[in-house]
């Protein structure tokens, strides 16, 4: 193996893990969006916690890498639904600009996560 090949792999690994970190940030932002919507509606004290908790439960059951009910169809459908609902929640709470920003960020980051050099990192862990 040449030094250039090793360096290329190192750069790809750093970029891949950076993309995966941004995917995690995206997931956290989606949960925050549900909490923001809950804060704007009654009973605030319940919805601000219950909506993100329900979204996290759905995510862990159907969309996470080791989800018991995930699969080639269920995982992407669940991800799309959670991110779409998170964007709608932000818009419904009166934060249309943030909803659009979250939508664009989600699409870009999740598209980057589908690159083969990033998928390899997920499959290895």
PDB file of N, CA and C in Angstrom:
ATOM      1  N   UNK A   1       0.847  -1.176   0.000  1.00  0.00           N
ATOM      2  CA  UNK A   1       0.000   0.000   0.000  1.00  0.00           C
ATOM      3  C   UNK A   1       0.890   1.235   0.000  1.00  0.00           C
ATOM      4  N   UNK A   2       0.604   2.162  -0.891  1.00  0.00           N
ATOM      5  CA  UNK A   2       1.419   3.368  -0.986  1.00  0.00           C
ATOM      6  C   UNK A   2       0.971   4.382   0.053  1.00  0.00           C
ATOM      7  N   UNK A   3       1.822   5.363   0.292  1.00  0.00           N
ATOM      8  CA  UNK A   3       1.508   6.409   1.266  1.00  0.00           C
ATOM      9  C   UNK A   3       0.305   7.225   0.804  1.00  0.00           C
ATOM     10  N   UNK A   4       0.192   7.421  -0.507  1.00  0.00           N
ATOM     11  CA  UNK A   4      -0.933   8.197  -1.028  1.00  0.00           C
ATOM     12  C   UNK A   4      -2.254   7.476  -0.776  1.00  0.00           C
ATOM     13  N   UNK A   5      -2.268   6.171  -0.940  1.00  0.00           N
ATOM     14  CA  UNK A   5      -3.485   5.403  -0.709  1.00  0.00           C
ATOM     15  C   UNK A   5      -3.876   5.452   0.762  1.00  0.00           C
ATOM     16  N   UNK A   6      -2.913   5.316   1.647  1.00  0.00           N
ATOM     17  CA  UNK A   6      -3.186   5.402   3.082  1.00  0.00           C
ATOM     18  C   UNK A   6      -3.689   6.769   3.473  1.00  0.00           C
ATOM     19  N   UNK A   7      -3.116   7.802   2.866  1.00  0.00           N
ATOM     20  CA  UNK A   7      -3.548   9.162   3.158  1.00  0.00           C
ATOM     21  C   UNK A   7      -4.965   9.395   2.615  1.00  0.00           C
ATOM     22  N   UNK A   8      -5.264   8.865   1.431  1.00  0.00           N
ATOM     23  CA  UNK A   8      -6.615   8.984   0.868  1.00  0.00           C
ATOM     24  C   UNK A   8      -7.649   8.324   1.775  1.00  0.00           C
ATOM     25  N   UNK A   9      -7.306   7.144   2.282  1.00  0.00           N
ATOM     26  CA  UNK A   9      -8.232   6.453   3.195  1.00  0.00           C
ATOM     27  C   UNK A   9      -8.437   7.250   4.468  1.00  0.00           C
ATOM     28  N   UNK A  10      -7.372   7.855   4.958  1.00  0.00           N
ATOM     29  CA  UNK A  10      -7.464   8.653   6.179  1.00  0.00           C
ATOM     30  C   UNK A  10      -8.366   9.869   5.963  1.00  0.00           C
ATOM     31  N   UNK A  11      -8.193  10.533   4.832  1.00  0.00           N
ATOM     32  CA  UNK A  11      -9.026  11.694   4.517  1.00  0.00           C
ATOM     33  C   UNK A  11     -10.479  11.258   4.340  1.00  0.00           C
ATOM     34  N   UNK A  12     -10.703  10.151   3.638  1.00  0.00           N
ATOM     35  CA  UNK A  12     -12.064   9.645   3.456  1.00  0.00           C
ATOM     36  C   UNK A  12     -12.707   9.291   4.790  1.00  0.00           C
ATOM     37  N   UNK A  13     -11.931   8.708   5.688  1.00  0.00           N
ATOM     38  CA  UNK A  13     -12.472   8.345   7.008  1.00  0.00           C
ATOM     39  C   UNK A  13     -12.861   9.596   7.782  1.00  0.00           C
ATOM     40  N   UNK A  14     -12.017  10.615   7.752  1.00  0.00           N
ATOM     41  CA  UNK A  14     -12.323  11.861   8.472  1.00  0.00           C
ATOM     42  C   UNK A  14     -13.571  12.510   7.888  1.00  0.00           C
ATOM     43  N   UNK A  15     -13.645  12.584   6.568  1.00  0.00           N
ATOM     44  CA  UNK A  15     -14.834  13.172   5.944  1.00  0.00           C
ATOM     45  C   UNK A  15     -16.079  12.331   6.220  1.00  0.00           C
ATOM     46  N   UNK A  16     -15.937  11.015   6.158  1.00  0.00           N
ATOM     47  CA  UNK A  16     -17.068  10.134   6.418  1.00  0.00           C
ATOM     48  C   UNK A  16     -17.589  10.271   7.836  1.00  0.00           C
ATOM     49  N   UNK A  17     -16.685  10.276   8.808  1.00  0.00           N
ATOM     50  CA  UNK A  17     -17.119  10.423  10.197  1.00  0.00           C
ATOM     51  C   UNK A  17     -17.683  11.811  10.456  1.00  0.00           C
ATOM     52  N   UNK A  18     -17.192  12.804   9.738  1.00  0.00           N
ATOM     53  CA  UNK A  18     -17.764  14.154   9.864  1.00  0.00           C
ATOM     54  C   UNK A  18     -19.202  14.174   9.356  1.00  0.00           C
ATOM     55  N   UNK A  19     -19.435  13.505   8.239  1.00  0.00           N
ATOM     56  CA  UNK A  19     -20.800  13.410   7.708  1.00  0.00           C
ATOM     57  C   UNK A  19     -21.700  12.684   8.706  1.00  0.00           C
ATOM     58  N   UNK A  20     -21.213  11.595   9.275  1.00  0.00           N
ATOM     59  CA  UNK A  20     -22.028  10.852  10.246  1.00  0.00           C
ATOM     60  C   UNK A  20     -22.305  11.684  11.500  1.00  0.00           C
ATOM     61  N   UNK A  21     -21.349  12.511  11.900  1.00  0.00           N
ATOM     62  CA  UNK A  21     -21.584  13.413  13.036  1.00  0.00           C
ATOM     63  C   UNK A  21     -22.680  14.416  12.692  1.00  0.00           C
ATOM     64  N   UNK A  22     -22.666  14.923  11.457  1.00  0.00           N
ATOM     65  CA  UNK A  22     -23.706  15.857  11.032  1.00  0.00           C
ATOM     66  C   UNK A  22     -25.072  15.169  10.931  1.00  0.00           C
ATOM     67  N   UNK A  23     -25.089  13.900  10.568  1.00  0.00           N
ATOM     68  CA  UNK A  23     -26.343  13.139  10.558  1.00  0.00           C
ATOM     69  C   UNK A  23     -26.905  13.069  11.978  1.00  0.00           C
ATOM     70  N   UNK A  24     -26.042  12.831  12.943  1.00  0.00           N
ATOM     71  CA  UNK A  24     -26.487  12.791  14.342  1.00  0.00           C
ATOM     72  C   UNK A  24     -27.021  14.164  14.769  1.00  0.00           C
ATOM     73  N   UNK A  25     -26.324  15.227  14.407  1.00  0.00           N
ATOM     74  CA  UNK A  25     -26.794  16.581  14.722  1.00  0.00           C
ATOM     75  C   UNK A  25     -28.166  16.812  14.093  1.00  0.00           C
ATOM     76  N   UNK A  26     -28.349  16.347  12.881  1.00  0.00           N
ATOM     77  CA  UNK A  26     -29.623  16.476  12.191  1.00  0.00           C
ATOM     78  C   UNK A  26     -30.738  15.766  12.961  1.00  0.00           C
ATOM     79  N   UNK A  27     -30.447  14.585  13.463  1.00  0.00           N
ATOM     80  CA  UNK A  27     -31.435  13.835  14.239  1.00  0.00           C
ATOM     81  C   UNK A  27     -31.792  14.574  15.531  1.00  0.00           C
ATOM     82  N   UNK A  28     -30.793  15.134  16.185  1.00  0.00           N
ATOM     83  CA  UNK A  28     -31.045  15.902  17.412  1.00  0.00           C
ATOM     84  C   UNK A  28     -31.880  17.142  17.094  1.00  0.00           C
ATOM     85  N   UNK A  29     -31.566  17.820  15.997  1.00  0.00           N
ATOM     86  CA  UNK A  29     -32.344  18.999  15.603  1.00  0.00           C
ATOM     87  C   UNK A  29     -33.804  18.649  15.320  1.00  0.00           C
ATOM     88  N   UNK A  30     -34.036  17.482  14.752  1.00  0.00           N
ATOM     89  CA  UNK A  30     -35.416  17.049  14.508  1.00  0.00           C
ATOM     90  C   UNK A  30     -36.162  16.880  15.830  1.00  0.00           C
ATOM     91  N   UNK A  31     -35.506  16.299  16.824  1.00  0.00           N
ATOM     92  CA  UNK A  31     -36.150  16.125  18.131  1.00  0.00           C
ATOM     93  C   UNK A  31     -36.423  17.480  18.782  1.00  0.00           C
ATOM     94  N   UNK A  32     -35.496  18.407  18.617  1.00  0.00           N
ATOM     95  CA  UNK A  32     -35.689  19.761  19.153  1.00  0.00           C
ATOM     96  C   UNK A  32     -36.878  20.428  18.470  1.00  0.00           C
ATOM     97  N   UNK A  33     -37.028  20.204  17.166  1.00  0.00           N
ATOM     98  CA  UNK A  33     -38.164  20.784  16.435  1.00  0.00           C
ATOM     99  C   UNK A  33     -39.490  20.294  17.010  1.00  0.00           C
ATOM    100  N   UNK A  34     -39.567  19.008  17.348  1.00  0.00           N
ATOM    101  CA  UNK A  34     -40.793  18.494  17.968  1.00  0.00           C
ATOM    102  C   UNK A  34     -41.030  19.150  19.327  1.00  0.00           C
ATOM    103  N   UNK A  35     -39.964  19.361  20.081  1.00  0.00           N
ATOM    104  CA  UNK A  35     -40.094  20.033  21.370  1.00  0.00           C
ATOM    105  C   UNK A  35     -40.554  21.476  21.225  1.00  0.00           C
ATOM    106  N   UNK A  36     -40.060  22.154  20.196  1.00  0.00           N
ATOM    107  CA  UNK A  36     -40.485  23.540  19.956  1.00  0.00           C
ATOM    108  C   UNK A  36     -41.981  23.587  19.639  1.00  0.00           C
ATOM    109  N   UNK A  37     -42.446  22.662  18.805  1.00  0.00           N
ATOM    110  CA  UNK A  37     -43.876  22.630  18.496  1.00  0.00           C
ATOM    111  C   UNK A  37     -44.673  22.357  19.768  1.00  0.00           C
ATOM    112  N   UNK A  38     -44.196  21.418  20.586  1.00  0.00           N
ATOM    113  CA  UNK A  38     -44.877  21.101  21.831  1.00  0.00           C
ATOM    114  C   UNK A  38     -44.948  22.279  22.778  1.00  0.00           C
ATOM    115  N   UNK A  39     -43.904  23.107  22.774  1.00  0.00           N
ATOM    116  CA  UNK A  39     -43.865  24.278  23.640  1.00  0.00           C
ATOM    117  C   UNK A  39     -44.924  25.300  23.241  1.00  0.00           C
ATOM    118  N   UNK A  40     -45.256  25.316  21.975  1.00  0.00           N
ATOM    119  CA  UNK A  40     -46.214  26.294  21.465  1.00  0.00           C
ATOM    120  C   UNK A  40     -47.670  25.864  21.643  1.00  0.00           C
ATOM    121  N   UNK A  41     -47.915  24.632  22.103  1.00  0.00           N
ATOM    122  CA  UNK A  41     -49.281  24.121  22.203  1.00  0.00           C
ATOM    123  C   UNK A  41     -49.550  23.568  23.605  1.00  0.00           C
ATOM    124  N   UNK A  42     -50.831  23.528  23.963  1.00  0.00           N
ATOM    125  CA  UNK A  42     -51.210  23.022  25.285  1.00  0.00           C
ATOM    126  C   UNK A  42     -51.572  21.552  25.198  1.00  0.00           C
ATOM    127  N   UNK A  43     -51.309  20.768  26.206  1.00  0.00           N
ATOM    128  CA  UNK A  43     -50.596  21.086  27.450  1.00  0.00           C
ATOM    129  C   UNK A  43     -49.076  21.100  27.228  1.00  0.00           C
ATOM    130  N   UNK A  44     -48.523  22.272  27.289  1.00  0.00           N
ATOM    131  CA  UNK A  44     -47.119  22.531  26.996  1.00  0.00           C
ATOM    132  C   UNK A  44     -46.193  21.619  27.799  1.00  0.00           C
ATOM    133  N   UNK A  45     -46.456  21.489  29.074  1.00  0.00           N
ATOM    134  CA  UNK A  45     -45.579  20.710  29.953  1.00  0.00           C
ATOM    135  C   UNK A  45     -45.500  19.244  29.536  1.00  0.00           C
ATOM    136  N   UNK A  46     -46.545  18.749  28.877  1.00  0.00           N
ATOM    137  CA  UNK A  46     -46.558  17.363  28.416  1.00  0.00           C
ATOM    138  C   UNK A  46     -45.980  17.226  27.005  1.00  0.00           C
ATOM    139  N   UNK A  47     -46.437  18.072  26.094  1.00  0.00           N
ATOM    140  CA  UNK A  47     -46.034  17.945  24.690  1.00  0.00           C
ATOM    141  C   UNK A  47     -44.558  18.223  24.458  1.00  0.00           C
ATOM    142  N   UNK A  48     -43.990  19.126  25.233  1.00  0.00           N
ATOM    143  CA  UNK A  48     -42.582  19.475  25.024  1.00  0.00           C
ATOM    144  C   UNK A  48     -41.664  18.267  25.269  1.00  0.00           C
ATOM    145  N   UNK A  49     -42.112  17.323  26.071  1.00  0.00           N
ATOM    146  CA  UNK A  49     -41.334  16.104  26.328  1.00  0.00           C
ATOM    147  C   UNK A  49     -41.876  14.904  25.570  1.00  0.00           C
ATOM    148  N   UNK A  50     -43.190  14.809  25.471  1.00  0.00           N
ATOM    149  CA  UNK A  50     -43.809  13.611  24.884  1.00  0.00           C
ATOM    150  C   UNK A  50     -43.555  13.484  23.381  1.00  0.00           C
ATOM    151  N   UNK A  51     -43.641  14.583  22.651  1.00  0.00           N
ATOM    152  CA  UNK A  51     -43.435  14.502  21.203  1.00  0.00           C
ATOM    153  C   UNK A  51     -42.015  14.057  20.842  1.00  0.00           C
ATOM    154  N   UNK A  52     -40.986  14.679  21.415  1.00  0.00           N
ATOM    155  CA  UNK A  52     -39.634  14.178  21.111  1.00  0.00           C
ATOM    156  C   UNK A  52     -39.429  12.739  21.576  1.00  0.00           C
ATOM    157  N   UNK A  53     -40.017  12.369  22.710  1.00  0.00           N
ATOM    158  CA  UNK A  53     -39.863  10.993  23.199  1.00  0.00           C
ATOM    159  C   UNK A  53     -40.515   9.997  22.240  1.00  0.00           C
ATOM    160  N   UNK A  54     -41.680  10.332  21.722  1.00  0.00           N
ATOM    161  CA  UNK A  54     -42.339   9.450  20.743  1.00  0.00           C
ATOM    162  C   UNK A  54     -41.528   9.355  19.462  1.00  0.00           C
ATOM    163  N   UNK A  55     -40.995  10.478  19.012  1.00  0.00           N
ATOM    164  CA  UNK A  55     -40.174  10.462  17.797  1.00  0.00           C
ATOM    165  C   UNK A  55     -38.906   9.636  18.005  1.00  0.00           C
ATOM    166  N   UNK A  56     -38.289   9.762  19.187  1.00  0.00           N
ATOM    167  CA  UNK A  56     -37.087   8.964  19.481  1.00  0.00           C
ATOM    168  C   UNK A  56     -37.409   7.479  19.535  1.00  0.00           C
ATOM    169  N   UNK A  57     -38.547   7.134  20.118  1.00  0.00           N
ATOM    170  CA  UNK A  57     -38.942   5.724  20.185  1.00  0.00           C
ATOM    171  C   UNK A  57     -39.164   5.167  18.780  1.00  0.00           C
ATOM    172  N   UNK A  58     -39.874   5.915  17.952  1.00  0.00           N
ATOM    173  CA  UNK A  58     -40.094   5.488  16.570  1.00  0.00           C
ATOM    174  C   UNK A  58     -38.765   5.335  15.835  1.00  0.00           C
ATOM    175  N   UNK A  59     -37.875   6.299  16.032  1.00  0.00           N
ATOM    176  CA  UNK A  59     -36.560   6.262  15.382  1.00  0.00           C
ATOM    177  C   UNK A  59     -35.787   5.027  15.816  1.00  0.00           C
ATOM    178  N   UNK A  60     -35.762   4.759  17.114  1.00  0.00           N
ATOM    179  CA  UNK A  60     -34.976   3.618  17.602  1.00  0.00           C
ATOM    180  C   UNK A  60     -35.563   2.286  17.146  1.00  0.00           C
ATOM    181  N   UNK A  61     -36.871   2.222  16.972  1.00  0.00           N
ATOM    182  CA  UNK A  61     -37.503   0.978  16.534  1.00  0.00           C
ATOM    183  C   UNK A  61     -37.404   0.748  15.029  1.00  0.00           C
ATOM    184  N   UNK A  62     -37.390   1.840  14.252  1.00  0.00           N
ATOM    185  CA  UNK A  62     -37.506   1.672  12.795  1.00  0.00           C
ATOM    186  C   UNK A  62     -36.391   2.295  11.961  1.00  0.00           C
ATOM    187  N   UNK A  63     -35.669   3.263  12.476  1.00  0.00           N
ATOM    188  CA  UNK A  63     -34.732   4.001  11.619  1.00  0.00           C
ATOM    189  C   UNK A  63     -33.274   3.910  12.034  1.00  0.00           C
ATOM    190  N   UNK A  64     -32.990   3.534  13.260  1.00  0.00           N
ATOM    191  CA  UNK A  64     -31.596   3.472  13.690  1.00  0.00           C
ATOM    192  C   UNK A  64     -30.880   2.315  12.996  1.00  0.00           C
ATOM    193  N   UNK A  65     -29.557   2.338  12.968  1.00  0.00           N
ATOM    194  CA  UNK A  65     -28.825   1.276  12.260  1.00  0.00           C
ATOM    195  C   UNK A  65     -29.132  -0.141  12.755  1.00  0.00           C
ATOM    196  N   UNK A  66     -29.433  -0.299  14.019  1.00  0.00           N
ATOM    197  CA  UNK A  66     -29.729  -1.631  14.560  1.00  0.00           C
ATOM    198  C   UNK A  66     -31.191  -1.749  14.975  1.00  0.00           C
ATOM    199  N   UNK A  67     -32.062  -1.037  14.279  1.00  0.00           N
ATOM    200  CA  UNK A  67     -33.491  -1.037  14.602  1.00  0.00           C
ATOM    201  C   UNK A  67     -34.097  -2.418  14.386  1.00  0.00           C
ATOM    202  N   UNK A  68     -34.872  -2.907  15.366  1.00  0.00           N
ATOM    203  CA  UNK A  68     -35.474  -4.235  15.215  1.00  0.00           C
ATOM    204  C   UNK A  68     -36.502  -4.313  14.087  1.00  0.00           C
ATOM    205  N   UNK A  69     -37.138  -3.194  13.757  1.00  0.00           N
ATOM    206  CA  UNK A  69     -38.142  -3.195  12.697  1.00  0.00           C
ATOM    207  C   UNK A  69     -37.680  -2.452  11.452  1.00  0.00           C
ATOM    208  N   UNK A  70     -36.400  -2.076  11.426  1.00  0.00           N
ATOM    209  CA  UNK A  70     -35.864  -1.391  10.251  1.00  0.00           C
ATOM    210  C   UNK A  70     -35.667  -2.372   9.114  1.00  0.00           C
ATOM    211  N   UNK A  71     -35.558  -1.855   7.957  1.00  0.00           N
ATOM    212  CA  UNK A  71     -35.337  -2.688   6.785  1.00  0.00           C
ATOM    213  C   UNK A  71     -35.141  -1.803   5.576  1.00  0.00           C
ATOM    214  N   UNK A  72     -34.997  -2.399   4.416  1.00  0.00           N
ATOM    215  CA  UNK A  72     -34.735  -1.598   3.223  1.00  0.00           C
ATOM    216  C   UNK A  72     -35.872  -0.649   2.848  1.00  0.00           C
ATOM    217  N   UNK A  73     -37.082  -0.925   3.306  1.00  0.00           N
ATOM    218  CA  UNK A  73     -38.207  -0.027   3.040  1.00  0.00           C
ATOM    219  C   UNK A  73     -38.563   0.800   4.275  1.00  0.00           C
ATOM    220  N   UNK A  74     -38.648   0.139   5.428  1.00  0.00           N
ATOM    221  CA  UNK A  74     -39.099   0.811   6.651  1.00  0.00           C
ATOM    222  C   UNK A  74     -38.136   1.915   7.102  1.00  0.00           C
ATOM    223  N   UNK A  75     -36.843   1.669   7.029  1.00  0.00           N
ATOM    224  CA  UNK A  75     -35.856   2.638   7.513  1.00  0.00           C
ATOM    225  C   UNK A  75     -35.940   3.964   6.745  1.00  0.00           C
ATOM    226  N   UNK A  76     -35.864   3.974   5.411  1.00  0.00           N
ATOM    227  CA  UNK A  76     -35.931   5.266   4.721  1.00  0.00           C
ATOM    228  C   UNK A  76     -37.295   5.949   4.829  1.00  0.00           C
ATOM    229  N   UNK A  77     -38.362   5.169   4.870  1.00  0.00           N
ATOM    230  CA  UNK A  77     -39.695   5.767   5.009  1.00  0.00           C
ATOM    231  C   UNK A  77     -39.824   6.442   6.373  1.00  0.00           C
ATOM    232  N   UNK A  78     -39.343   5.772   7.413  1.00  0.00           N
ATOM    233  CA  UNK A  78     -39.406   6.349   8.761  1.00  0.00           C
ATOM    234  C   UNK A  78     -38.553   7.612   8.850  1.00  0.00           C
ATOM    235  N   UNK A  79     -37.348   7.561   8.297  1.00  0.00           N
ATOM    236  CA  UNK A  79     -36.478   8.745   8.319  1.00  0.00           C
ATOM    237  C   UNK A  79     -37.136   9.920   7.606  1.00  0.00           C
ATOM    238  N   UNK A  80     -37.668   9.667   6.427  1.00  0.00           N
ATOM    239  CA  UNK A  80     -38.318  10.744   5.675  1.00  0.00           C
ATOM    240  C   UNK A  80     -39.509  11.304   6.442  1.00  0.00           C
ATOM    241  N   UNK A  81     -40.294  10.428   7.058  1.00  0.00           N
ATOM    242  CA  UNK A  81     -41.468  10.879   7.815  1.00  0.00           C
ATOM    243  C   UNK A  81     -41.062  11.712   9.025  1.00  0.00           C
ATOM    244  N   UNK A  82     -40.056  11.264   9.759  1.00  0.00           N
ATOM    245  CA  UNK A  82     -39.629  12.002  10.957  1.00  0.00           C
ATOM    246  C   UNK A  82     -39.088  13.374  10.577  1.00  0.00           C
ATOM    247  N   UNK A  83     -38.237  13.440   9.556  1.00  0.00           N
ATOM    248  CA  UNK A  83     -37.682  14.738   9.170  1.00  0.00           C
ATOM    249  C   UNK A  83     -38.750  15.656   8.569  1.00  0.00           C
ATOM    250  N   UNK A  84     -39.663  15.098   7.779  1.00  0.00           N
ATOM    251  CA  UNK A  84     -40.740  15.915   7.209  1.00  0.00           C
ATOM    252  C   UNK A  84     -41.640  16.467   8.315  1.00  0.00           C
ATOM    253  N   UNK A  85     -41.991  15.607   9.275  1.00  0.00           N
ATOM    254  CA  UNK A  85     -42.831  16.070  10.383  1.00  0.00           C
ATOM    255  C   UNK A  85     -42.112  17.089  11.256  1.00  0.00           C
ATOM    256  N   UNK A  86     -40.808  16.934  11.425  1.00  0.00           N
ATOM    257  CA  UNK A  86     -40.029  17.906  12.199  1.00  0.00           C
ATOM    258  C   UNK A  86     -40.042  19.270  11.510  1.00  0.00           C
ATOM    259  N   UNK A  87     -39.901  19.265  10.194  1.00  0.00           N
ATOM    260  CA  UNK A  87     -39.949  20.529   9.440  1.00  0.00           C
ATOM    261  C   UNK A  87     -41.336  21.146   9.516  1.00  0.00           C
ATOM    262  N   UNK A  88     -42.368  20.321   9.400  1.00  0.00           N
ATOM    263  CA  UNK A  88     -43.738  20.822   9.535  1.00  0.00           C
ATOM    264  C   UNK A  88     -43.990  21.349  10.946  1.00  0.00           C
ATOM    265  N   UNK A  89     -43.409  20.701  11.936  1.00  0.00           N
ATOM    266  CA  UNK A  89     -43.573  21.165  13.320  1.00  0.00           C
ATOM    267  C   UNK A  89     -42.964  22.553  13.499  1.00  0.00           C
ATOM    268  N   UNK A  90     -41.772  22.748  12.942  1.00  0.00           N
ATOM    269  CA  UNK A  90     -41.155  24.081  13.037  1.00  0.00           C
ATOM    270  C   UNK A  90     -41.992  25.130  12.317  1.00  0.00           C
ATOM    271  N   UNK A  91     -42.473  24.795  11.131  1.00  0.00           N
ATOM    272  CA  UNK A  91     -43.307  25.735  10.387  1.00  0.00           C
ATOM    273  C   UNK A  91     -44.600  26.014  11.150  1.00  0.00           C
ATOM    274  N   UNK A  92     -45.180  24.976  11.733  1.00  0.00           N
ATOM    275  CA  UNK A  92     -46.409  25.138  12.499  1.00  0.00           C
ATOM    276  C   UNK A  92     -46.227  25.961  13.764  1.00  0.00           C
ATOM    277  N   UNK A  93     -44.998  25.997  14.262  1.00  0.00           N
ATOM    278  CA  UNK A  93     -44.706  26.801  15.448  1.00  0.00           C
ATOM    279  C   UNK A  93     -44.338  28.235  15.073  1.00  0.00           C
ATOM    280  N   UNK A  94     -44.396  28.545  13.765  1.00  0.00           N
ATOM    281  CA  UNK A  94     -44.119  29.916  13.336  1.00  0.00           C
ATOM    282  C   UNK A  94     -42.681  30.166  12.939  1.00  0.00           C
ATOM    283  N   UNK A  95     -41.901  29.124  12.765  1.00  0.00           N
ATOM    284  CA  UNK A  95     -40.485  29.268  12.400  1.00  0.00           C
ATOM    285  C   UNK A  95     -40.258  28.718  10.995  1.00  0.00           C
ATOM    286  N   UNK A  96     -40.895  29.358  10.015  1.00  0.00           N
ATOM    287  CA  UNK A  96     -40.836  28.859   8.641  1.00  0.00           C
ATOM    288  C   UNK A  96     -39.419  28.848   8.081  1.00  0.00           C
ATOM    289  N   UNK A  97     -38.649  29.890   8.370  1.00  0.00           N
ATOM    290  CA  UNK A  97     -37.275  29.955   7.856  1.00  0.00           C
ATOM    291  C   UNK A  97     -36.423  28.815   8.414  1.00  0.00           C
ATOM    292  N   UNK A  98     -36.586  28.534   9.698  1.00  0.00           N
ATOM    293  CA  UNK A  98     -35.842  27.430  10.312  1.00  0.00           C
ATOM    294  C   UNK A  98     -36.306  26.092   9.766  1.00  0.00           C
ATOM    295  N   UNK A  99     -37.585  25.997   9.437  1.00  0.00           N
ATOM    296  CA  UNK A  99     -38.113  24.759   8.858  1.00  0.00           C
ATOM    297  C   UNK A  99     -37.469  24.487   7.500  1.00  0.00           C
ATOM    298  N   UNK A 100     -37.353  25.510   6.695  1.00  0.00           N
ATOM    299  CA  UNK A 100     -36.719  25.363   5.389  1.00  0.00           C
ATOM    300  C   UNK A 100     -35.240  25.026   5.562  1.00  0.00           C
ATOM    301  N   UNK A 101     -34.584  25.691   6.500  1.00  0.00           N
ATOM    302  CA  UNK A 101     -33.165  25.411   6.752  1.00  0.00           C
ATOM    303  C   UNK A 101     -32.970  23.966   7.208  1.00  0.00           C
ATOM    304  N   UNK A 102     -33.832  23.491   8.094  1.00  0.00           N
ATOM    305  CA  UNK A 102     -33.737  22.103   8.553  1.00  0.00           C
ATOM    306  C   UNK A 102     -33.986  21.140   7.401  1.00  0.00           C
ATOM    307  N   UNK A 103     -34.942  21.440   6.565  1.00  0.00           N
ATOM    308  CA  UNK A 103     -35.241  20.588   5.418  1.00  0.00           C
ATOM    309  C   UNK A 103     -34.032  20.483   4.486  1.00  0.00           C
ATOM    310  N   UNK A 104     -33.443  21.608   4.143  1.00  0.00           N
ATOM    311  CA  UNK A 104     -32.272  21.614   3.247  1.00  0.00           C
ATOM    312  C   UNK A 104     -31.113  20.873   3.895  1.00  0.00           C
ATOM    313  N   UNK A 105     -30.846  21.165   5.169  1.00  0.00           N
ATOM    314  CA  UNK A 105     -29.753  20.506   5.886  1.00  0.00           C
ATOM    315  C   UNK A 105     -29.976  18.998   5.935  1.00  0.00           C
ATOM    316  N   UNK A 106     -31.209  18.583   6.230  1.00  0.00           N
ATOM    317  CA  UNK A 106     -31.527  17.153   6.311  1.00  0.00           C
ATOM    318  C   UNK A 106     -31.314  16.449   4.980  1.00  0.00           C
ATOM    319  N   UNK A 107     -31.779  17.057   3.910  1.00  0.00           N
ATOM    320  CA  UNK A 107     -31.636  16.439   2.588  1.00  0.00           C
ATOM    321  C   UNK A 107     -30.166  16.318   2.210  1.00  0.00           C
ATOM    322  N   UNK A 108     -29.400  17.386   2.399  1.00  0.00           N
ATOM    323  CA  UNK A 108     -27.983  17.373   2.013  1.00  0.00           C
ATOM    324  C   UNK A 108     -27.193  16.371   2.847  1.00  0.00           C
ATOM    325  N   UNK A 109     -27.357  16.411   4.151  1.00  0.00           N
ATOM    326  CA  UNK A 109     -26.574  15.539   5.034  1.00  0.00           C
ATOM    327  C   UNK A 109     -26.933  14.071   4.814  1.00  0.00           C
ATOM    328  N   UNK A 110     -28.216  13.792   4.681  1.00  0.00           N
ATOM    329  CA  UNK A 110     -28.611  12.393   4.476  1.00  0.00           C
ATOM    330  C   UNK A 110     -28.241  11.893   3.091  1.00  0.00           C
ATOM    331  N   UNK A 111     -28.181  12.775   2.101  1.00  0.00           N
ATOM    332  CA  UNK A 111     -27.698  12.376   0.777  1.00  0.00           C
ATOM    333  C   UNK A 111     -26.207  12.063   0.837  1.00  0.00           C
ATOM    334  N   UNK A 112     -25.451  12.883   1.563  1.00  0.00           N
ATOM    335  CA  UNK A 112     -24.014  12.616   1.721  1.00  0.00           C
ATOM    336  C   UNK A 112     -23.781  11.301   2.459  1.00  0.00           C
ATOM    337  N   UNK A 113     -24.666  10.975   3.386  1.00  0.00           N
ATOM    338  CA  UNK A 113     -24.520   9.733   4.156  1.00  0.00           C
ATOM    339  C   UNK A 113     -24.721   8.496   3.287  1.00  0.00           C
ATOM    340  N   UNK A 114     -25.316   8.653   2.123  1.00  0.00           N
ATOM    341  CA  UNK A 114     -25.524   7.525   1.216  1.00  0.00           C
ATOM    342  C   UNK A 114     -24.315   7.240   0.328  1.00  0.00           C
ATOM    343  N   UNK A 115     -23.319   8.122   0.356  1.00  0.00           N
ATOM    344  CA  UNK A 115     -22.116   7.893  -0.447  1.00  0.00           C
ATOM    345  C   UNK A 115     -21.430   6.603  -0.009  1.00  0.00           C
ATOM    346  N   UNK A 116     -20.892   5.849  -0.948  1.00  0.00           N
ATOM    347  CA  UNK A 116     -20.254   4.570  -0.596  1.00  0.00           C
ATOM    348  C   UNK A 116     -19.144   4.708   0.450  1.00  0.00           C
ATOM    349  N   UNK A 117     -18.365   5.782   0.388  1.00  0.00           N
ATOM    350  CA  UNK A 117     -17.270   5.940   1.345  1.00  0.00           C
ATOM    351  C   UNK A 117     -17.792   6.179   2.773  1.00  0.00           C
ATOM    352  N   UNK A 118     -18.997   6.690   2.905  1.00  0.00           N
ATOM    353  CA  UNK A 118     -19.603   6.889   4.219  1.00  0.00           C
ATOM    354  C   UNK A 118     -20.330   5.624   4.651  1.00  0.00           C
ATOM    355  N   UNK A 119     -21.046   4.982   3.736  1.00  0.00           N
ATOM    356  CA  UNK A 119     -21.774   3.746   4.048  1.00  0.00           C
ATOM    357  C   UNK A 119     -20.831   2.661   4.576  1.00  0.00           C
ATOM    358  N   UNK A 120     -19.607   2.634   4.042  1.00  0.00           N
ATOM    359  CA  UNK A 120     -18.623   1.651   4.492  1.00  0.00           C
ATOM    360  C   UNK A 120     -18.362   1.817   5.996  1.00  0.00           C
ATOM    361  N   UNK A 121     -18.305   3.048   6.466  1.00  0.00           N
ATOM    362  CA  UNK A 121     -18.054   3.292   7.894  1.00  0.00           C
ATOM    363  C   UNK A 121     -19.200   2.781   8.750  1.00  0.00           C
ATOM    364  N   UNK A 122     -20.419   2.942   8.285  1.00  0.00           N
ATOM    365  CA  UNK A 122     -21.590   2.470   9.035  1.00  0.00           C
ATOM    366  C   UNK A 122     -21.592   0.942   9.069  1.00  0.00           C
ATOM    367  N   UNK A 123     -21.276   0.331   7.943  1.00  0.00           N
ATOM    368  CA  UNK A 123     -21.277  -1.136   7.872  1.00  0.00           C
ATOM    369  C   UNK A 123     -20.174  -1.749   8.712  1.00  0.00           C
ATOM    370  N   UNK A 124     -19.046  -1.033   8.883  1.00  0.00           N
ATOM    371  CA  UNK A 124     -17.932  -1.560   9.679  1.00  0.00           C
ATOM    372  C   UNK A 124     -18.215  -1.491  11.174  1.00  0.00           C
ATOM    373  N   UNK A 125     -19.023  -0.529  11.610  1.00  0.00           N
ATOM    374  CA  UNK A 125     -19.233  -0.372  13.058  1.00  0.00           C
ATOM    375  C   UNK A 125     -20.370  -1.188  13.575  1.00  0.00           C
TER     376      UNK A 125
END
